[in-house]
């Protein structure tokens, strides 16, 4: 650990009566976390996930929660990033967190010193949530030319989805890198018009994602009553269970949805 700490020795955090390396590391980590709040908007999704995972490992140790099983893709990404650190020690995670902040902003230490940072942490708001990724897209990334059919599906852009499927029909029942099909994204976002188009074009209404869930699971868990009602009218089997043995009814978060699935 001494070698890693030497990398940050230019940030003087010593108390007048002296302190050990571990105490110094903890203070550097807290100050780095304070700076990340201001740095977050400049970071891409990969960096945000890395920073998040090191923060969680540093504060809570190895991942100790179950992997999210439905509709919240950002939660899954965050869980995967944290879980990938396995048994990394909290101190090592702090060192890597500081090193990553330094890589992203080589001048962060001098900036924090100019602000007169006390080294105090602003509670859990200091770690970056990956949900901020949506607001970090550049103008270029938001252009239609850079969007995939899955992006248009999430946006509820019926015309673009329909147009792309006419030229690339093989995408109709394909899964993306998150293990979801077009119908899953449409159900997750409550885009009923997109669901209708997908089914009309021959999409498998019972298509399963990587966790064994159908679009009905997604709509039920998100409370999209109109989507649930329509898929039932199209003959989807409400008794289908996911990899955890859960039916859509068991994931329903809305009373009206639950009534439809009885």
Protein backbone atom coordinates (compact mmCIF):
# COMPACT_ATOMS: atom_id res chain seq x y z
CA UNK A 1 0.00 0.00 0.00
CA UNK A 2 2.91 2.37 0.64
CA UNK A 3 3.72 2.59 -3.08
CA UNK A 4 0.15 3.55 -3.97
CA UNK A 5 0.01 6.16 -1.25
CA UNK A 6 3.19 7.79 -2.52
CA UNK A 7 1.28 8.60 -5.71
CA UNK A 8 -0.93 10.97 -3.72
CA UNK A 9 1.72 12.40 -1.41
CA UNK A 10 1.51 15.82 -3.03
CA UNK A 11 -1.90 16.33 -1.40
CA UNK A 12 -0.92 17.26 2.14
CA UNK A 13 -3.59 16.22 4.59
CA UNK A 14 -1.47 15.74 7.70
CA UNK A 15 -2.73 16.76 11.10
CA UNK A 16 -0.40 18.75 13.31
CA UNK A 17 0.17 15.77 15.58
CA UNK A 18 0.84 13.37 12.67
CA UNK A 19 -1.15 10.46 11.37
CA UNK A 20 -0.72 7.06 9.76
CA UNK A 21 -0.96 6.10 6.11
CA UNK A 22 -4.43 4.62 6.56
CA UNK A 23 -5.84 7.82 8.01
CA UNK A 24 -4.27 9.80 5.19
CA UNK A 25 -5.76 7.46 2.60
CA UNK A 26 -9.22 7.85 4.13
CA UNK A 27 -9.00 11.64 3.98
CA UNK A 28 -7.78 11.60 0.38
CA UNK A 29 -10.63 9.29 -0.55
CA UNK A 30 -13.21 11.58 1.03
CA UNK A 31 -11.86 14.65 -0.71
CA UNK A 32 -11.76 12.81 -4.05
CA UNK A 33 -15.41 11.83 -3.49
CA UNK A 34 -16.28 15.48 -2.86
CA UNK A 35 -14.68 16.43 -6.17
CA UNK A 36 -16.47 13.73 -8.15
CA UNK A 37 -19.77 15.52 -7.54
CA UNK A 38 -18.51 18.38 -9.73
CA UNK A 39 -16.70 16.10 -12.15
CA UNK A 40 -19.57 13.71 -12.90
CA UNK A 41 -21.12 15.65 -15.77
CA UNK A 42 -17.88 15.39 -17.78
CA UNK A 43 -17.52 11.62 -17.47
CA UNK A 44 -18.72 8.91 -19.83
CA UNK A 45 -20.70 5.87 -18.72
CA UNK A 46 -17.64 3.63 -18.39
CA UNK A 47 -15.91 6.02 -16.00
CA UNK A 48 -19.08 6.58 -13.99
CA UNK A 49 -19.52 2.86 -13.49
CA UNK A 50 -15.89 2.42 -12.45
CA UNK A 51 -16.12 5.26 -9.96
CA UNK A 52 -19.38 3.91 -8.59
CA UNK A 53 -18.00 0.39 -8.15
CA UNK A 54 -14.85 1.53 -6.34
CA UNK A 55 -16.90 3.78 -4.05
CA UNK A 56 -19.27 0.96 -3.11
CA UNK A 57 -16.39 -1.48 -2.55
CA UNK A 58 -14.53 1.06 -0.44
CA UNK A 59 -17.51 1.74 1.80
CA UNK A 60 -19.35 -1.58 1.88
CA UNK A 61 -16.83 -4.18 0.82
CA UNK A 62 -17.69 -6.94 -1.70
CA UNK A 63 -21.10 -6.79 -3.36
CA UNK A 64 -23.66 -8.13 -0.89
CA UNK A 65 -26.96 -7.72 -2.73
CA UNK A 66 -28.82 -9.75 -5.34
CA UNK A 67 -28.54 -8.75 -8.99
CA UNK A 68 -31.63 -6.80 -10.14
CA UNK A 69 -33.81 -9.04 -12.24
CA UNK A 70 -36.09 -6.74 -14.20
CA UNK A 71 -36.63 -3.42 -15.99
CA UNK A 72 -33.99 -1.30 -14.23
CA UNK A 73 -31.04 -1.66 -16.60
CA UNK A 74 -29.01 1.02 -14.85
CA UNK A 75 -29.30 -0.83 -11.57
CA UNK A 76 -28.06 -3.97 -13.31
CA UNK A 77 -25.07 -2.13 -14.76
CA UNK A 78 -24.17 -0.70 -11.37
CA UNK A 79 -24.52 -4.09 -9.69
CA UNK A 80 -22.37 -5.79 -12.32
CA UNK A 81 -19.64 -3.16 -11.96
CA UNK A 82 -19.56 -3.51 -8.18
CA UNK A 83 -19.76 -7.29 -8.24
CA UNK A 84 -16.87 -7.50 -10.71
CA UNK A 85 -14.49 -6.25 -7.98
CA UNK A 86 -15.02 -9.55 -6.13
CA UNK A 87 -12.94 -9.64 -2.90
CA UNK A 88 -10.94 -6.46 -3.49
CA UNK A 89 -10.13 -4.88 -0.11
CA UNK A 90 -11.77 -1.54 0.78
CA UNK A 91 -8.35 0.13 1.05
CA UNK A 92 -7.37 -1.03 -2.42
CA UNK A 93 -10.71 0.24 -3.74
CA UNK A 94 -10.00 3.64 -2.19
CA UNK A 95 -6.58 3.74 -3.83
CA UNK A 96 -8.06 2.85 -7.20
CA UNK A 97 -10.85 5.41 -6.73
CA UNK A 98 -8.31 8.16 -6.09
CA UNK A 99 -6.17 7.02 -9.01
CA UNK A 100 -9.20 7.05 -11.33
CA UNK A 101 -10.25 10.53 -10.24
CA UNK A 102 -6.67 11.67 -10.89
CA UNK A 103 -6.75 10.08 -14.34
CA UNK A 104 -10.02 11.85 -15.15
CA UNK A 105 -8.88 15.20 -13.75
CA UNK A 106 -5.11 15.46 -13.10
CA UNK A 107 -5.58 18.87 -11.42
CA UNK A 108 -8.31 17.85 -8.97
CA UNK A 109 -6.05 18.05 -5.93
CA UNK A 110 -5.04 21.66 -6.51
CA UNK A 111 -8.66 22.55 -7.27
CA UNK A 112 -9.83 21.08 -3.98
CA UNK A 113 -7.04 22.81 -2.08
CA UNK A 114 -8.09 26.14 -3.61
CA UNK A 115 -11.62 25.52 -2.37
CA UNK A 116 -10.28 24.90 1.09
CA UNK A 117 -11.71 21.40 1.26
CA UNK A 118 -11.99 20.13 4.83
CA UNK A 119 -11.96 16.50 3.69
CA UNK A 120 -15.53 16.01 4.91
CA UNK A 121 -17.82 13.85 2.83
CA UNK A 122 -21.30 14.97 1.79
CA UNK A 123 -22.80 11.57 2.67
CA UNK A 124 -23.83 9.11 0.01
CA UNK A 125 -24.62 11.81 -2.54
CA UNK A 126 -20.88 11.92 -3.25
CA UNK A 127 -20.79 8.66 -5.16
CA UNK A 128 -21.97 8.98 -8.70
CA UNK A 129 -25.17 7.20 -9.63
CA UNK A 130 -25.23 5.78 -13.11
CA UNK A 131 -28.70 7.21 -13.53
CA UNK A 132 -26.92 10.46 -14.41
CA UNK A 133 -25.75 8.82 -17.64
CA UNK A 134 -28.86 9.98 -19.46
CA UNK A 135 -27.98 13.61 -18.86
CA UNK A 136 -24.34 13.14 -19.90
CA UNK A 137 -24.97 12.38 -23.55
CA UNK A 138 -23.25 14.71 -25.97
CA UNK A 139 -25.16 16.44 -28.74
CA UNK A 140 -23.58 14.11 -31.26
CA UNK A 141 -24.67 11.02 -29.33
CA UNK A 142 -28.25 12.28 -29.24
CA UNK A 143 -28.47 12.68 -33.01
CA UNK A 144 -30.76 10.23 -34.75
CA UNK A 145 -27.89 9.15 -37.01
CA UNK A 146 -26.14 7.62 -34.00
CA UNK A 147 -29.19 5.85 -32.60
CA UNK A 148 -29.96 2.15 -32.95
CA UNK A 149 -33.40 0.66 -33.37
CA UNK A 150 -33.36 -0.07 -29.64
CA UNK A 151 -32.85 3.64 -28.93
CA UNK A 152 -35.82 4.54 -31.13
CA UNK A 153 -37.86 1.87 -29.38
CA UNK A 154 -37.03 3.41 -25.99
CA UNK A 155 -37.98 6.84 -27.36
CA UNK A 156 -41.33 5.55 -28.59
CA UNK A 157 -40.49 6.54 -32.17
CA UNK A 158 -42.95 4.28 -34.00
CA UNK A 159 -42.04 5.49 -37.49
CA UNK A 160 -38.30 4.87 -37.07
CA UNK A 161 -38.86 1.45 -35.51
CA UNK A 162 -41.21 0.43 -38.31
CA UNK A 163 -38.89 1.77 -41.00
CA UNK A 164 -35.80 0.01 -39.67
CA UNK A 165 -37.60 -3.29 -39.21
CA UNK A 166 -38.70 -3.26 -42.85
CA UNK A 167 -35.05 -3.20 -43.93
CA UNK A 168 -33.74 -5.33 -41.05
CA UNK A 169 -36.50 -7.79 -40.09
CA UNK A 170 -34.00 -10.02 -38.28
CA UNK A 171 -33.90 -7.44 -35.48
CA UNK A 172 -37.54 -8.06 -34.57
CA UNK A 173 -36.82 -10.80 -32.05
CA UNK A 174 -33.15 -10.07 -31.34
CA UNK A 175 -31.75 -9.15 -27.93
CA UNK A 176 -29.44 -6.20 -27.31
CA UNK A 177 -26.28 -6.10 -25.18
CA UNK A 178 -28.43 -5.82 -22.05
CA UNK A 179 -30.27 -9.01 -22.96
CA UNK A 180 -33.56 -7.27 -23.85
CA UNK A 181 -35.60 -7.37 -27.02
CA UNK A 182 -37.42 -4.46 -28.63
CA UNK A 183 -40.70 -5.55 -27.08
CA UNK A 184 -39.11 -5.54 -23.62
CA UNK A 185 -37.93 -1.94 -24.02
CA UNK A 186 -41.30 -0.84 -25.36
CA UNK A 187 -43.02 -2.52 -22.40
CA UNK A 188 -40.54 -1.05 -19.93
CA UNK A 189 -41.17 2.48 -21.22
CA UNK A 190 -44.92 2.01 -21.61
CA UNK A 191 -44.80 2.64 -25.36
CA UNK A 192 -48.04 0.91 -26.33
CA UNK A 193 -47.99 2.09 -29.95
CA UNK A 194 -44.56 0.53 -30.42
CA UNK A 195 -45.77 -2.73 -28.84
CA UNK A 196 -48.69 -2.81 -31.29
CA UNK A 197 -46.37 -2.29 -34.26
CA UNK A 198 -43.94 -4.97 -33.08
CA UNK A 199 -46.70 -7.53 -32.61
CA UNK A 200 -48.28 -6.61 -35.95
CA UNK A 201 -44.94 -7.24 -37.65
CA UNK A 202 -44.69 -10.68 -36.10
CA UNK A 203 -42.69 -10.13 -32.93
CA UNK A 204 -42.82 -13.07 -30.52
CA UNK A 205 -45.10 -11.70 -27.81
CA UNK A 206 -43.65 -14.21 -25.35
CA UNK A 207 -40.00 -13.38 -26.15
CA UNK A 208 -37.87 -13.84 -23.05
CA UNK A 209 -35.01 -11.61 -21.92
CA UNK A 210 -31.76 -12.90 -20.40
CA UNK A 211 -33.56 -13.42 -17.09
CA UNK A 212 -36.46 -15.30 -18.62
CA UNK A 213 -38.91 -12.42 -18.41
CA UNK A 214 -41.47 -11.47 -21.03
CA UNK A 215 -42.72 -8.03 -21.95
CA UNK A 216 -45.68 -8.73 -19.68
CA UNK A 217 -43.32 -8.97 -16.70
CA UNK A 218 -41.89 -5.56 -17.62
CA UNK A 219 -45.21 -3.82 -18.08
CA UNK A 220 -46.59 -5.34 -14.89
CA UNK A 221 -43.59 -4.35 -12.78
CA UNK A 222 -43.65 -0.82 -14.20
CA UNK A 223 -47.41 -0.37 -13.75
CA UNK A 224 -48.26 0.13 -17.43
CA UNK A 225 -51.87 -1.02 -17.25
CA UNK A 226 -52.72 -0.29 -20.90
CA UNK A 227 -49.77 -2.34 -22.14
CA UNK A 228 -50.67 -5.25 -19.88
CA UNK A 229 -54.27 -5.16 -21.05
CA UNK A 230 -53.28 -5.09 -24.72
CA UNK A 231 -50.80 -7.97 -24.46
CA UNK A 232 -53.39 -10.08 -22.68
CA UNK A 233 -55.83 -9.33 -25.50
CA UNK A 234 -53.20 -10.60 -27.93
CA UNK A 235 -52.96 -13.92 -26.15
CA UNK A 236 -49.79 -13.68 -24.07
CA UNK A 237 -49.64 -16.36 -21.41
CA UNK A 238 -49.80 -14.66 -18.01
CA UNK A 239 -48.67 -17.87 -16.31
CA UNK A 240 -45.14 -17.70 -17.80
CA UNK A 241 -42.51 -17.54 -15.06
CA UNK A 242 -39.05 -15.98 -15.19
CA UNK A 243 -35.80 -17.60 -14.07
CA UNK A 244 -36.74 -16.88 -10.45
CA UNK A 245 -40.08 -18.61 -10.88
CA UNK A 246 -42.03 -15.33 -10.78
CA UNK A 247 -45.10 -14.62 -12.89
CA UNK A 248 -45.94 -11.12 -14.11
CA UNK A 249 -48.64 -10.93 -11.45
CA UNK A 250 -46.06 -11.46 -8.72
CA UNK A 251 -44.08 -8.47 -9.98
CA UNK A 252 -47.05 -6.15 -10.38
CA UNK A 253 -46.73 -2.88 -8.49
CA UNK A 254 -50.18 -1.49 -9.30
CA UNK A 255 -53.54 -2.67 -8.02
CA UNK A 256 -55.23 -2.29 -11.40
CA UNK A 257 -52.48 -4.31 -13.08
CA UNK A 258 -52.81 -7.02 -10.45
CA UNK A 259 -56.56 -7.27 -11.14
CA UNK A 260 -55.88 -7.80 -14.84
CA UNK A 261 -53.48 -10.62 -14.09
CA UNK A 262 -55.65 -12.55 -11.63
